[in-house]
Amino acid sequence: MSDKKRPPIDIDNLHVETLGVRAGVRRTEFNEHSEAMFLTSSFCFDSAEDAAYGFANAEKGFIYSRFTNPTVAMFQDRLAALEGGEACIASSSGMAATMTVAMAHLQAGDHVVCSRSVFGATIQLFNTILNKFGIETTYVDMSDLKAWAAAVKPNTKLFYLETPSNPLTEVADIEAISKIAKSANALYVVDNCFCTPALQKPLELGADVIIHSATKYLDGQGRVLGGAIVGSKEFIMGKAFPYVRTAGPTLSAFNAWVVLKGLETLNIRMEKQSESALELAQWLEAQPAVERVYHPGLKSHPQYELARKQQRMGGPILSFTLKGGKEAAWKVIDSTRLLSITANLGDTRTTITHPATTTHVRVSPEARAAAGITDSLVRIAVGLENIEDIKNDLFPGLKV
């Protein structure tokens, strides 16, 4: 048998479709083609000296699956390559990723500037948990650059936003806000859950850190929970990794393997679902019962030109308001038979939900109103079904 070995792949010169399939692979001595799943809690050493070295240099090897595991490492390496980041640390969920960033970077007395158009659980985290530790949060209109600048205080340490937003698909100017964050010497965190690196690269636009709920489009089939943080080696290994090692918001090896396989189809899923979402949004705009449709690919969207500039496509999420308030919204939802009534998104199956009474129910009525989340709003995350079947499923509930 030849002892020749093929040189490693040069991932710096590969396209996103190829990175989703080829980046981050670590093969065992068996040279398996598909990534191996390492379902073990710990790893063995050949000597006490090796064990001592391993524990002293945890980031260089595998010791204990709370913080180092080969399957999880493959997922981290692949996502870092897709996002163009230096490093990645995985977590048990998207909210665990957000909590990790906050706990790793902030301390009592610090101040956060956050878009008011973020996931309801993120608002709860900042308001009810971080607030207990003396961390103050100011919420701003994500599209108002002057509001971001005006909110800065001497103790501001973090800028946080998601774009497009949930559920109104508002688009923030990532590059412009990065300049404000840098002038304030604040860590700039962007939730890239709705677009993923298939459609948007926040690090290239000036973000310092990217947050993901891997539960959504990275997995893409609604199977497991997961989260991830991508950024510089200094932040990921210097701050986030020590927190995960100690506190343990860990992604399991099984879940990492599932999401790793999901990344292989990320690009084609995001393209197809985005195409279908735009077609559905255009169809909804023509329905008499619909008051307004929100999707970044629509020319009627307030940030349409910005979305075209920083996103490859509009994305798979849309929302719309109905004439008739909550009763009309619930009528549309309850009339569906094909669409899944669930608050999750990112699935191959189209989902439909009423944000005001589900994802944002714990947010105060005043905060919901400020964020534009009315009782007449419905959110749809478009899956991979035939678009005509989706339209036909919605049509009975839209009859005037």
Foldseek 3Di string as FASTA:
>chain_A
DDPDDDDDDPLVPDDLLVLLPDWLADDDPVRDPAHDFDQDQADDDPDPVRLVVCVVCVVVDTGGQLFDDSLLRSLFRSQLSLLVFPTKGKFQFLVVQVVLLPVLFDAAQAEEEEALQAWQVVVCCQPPPVVVRRYYYDYDHQADLVRLLVPQDLRYAAYEYEALGPAQRDGHQLLSSLVSCVVSNHQYEYEDAQARSLWFRSVVSRHAKYKYFLCAQLLQANDHTMIMMGHYCCCCVVGSSVCSVPVRSGHRSVNSSSSSVSSSCSNVFFVQLLVLQVVVQVVLVPFPFWDHKHWLCDPPHPCVVVSVVGTVGRGNKMKTFGPPFLVLQVLLVVQFDQEDDDPGHRHLGKHKYQCCVPRNVVPDPVSCVVNVRTRRMMMIRGHNDDSVSVCVRRVVSRDD
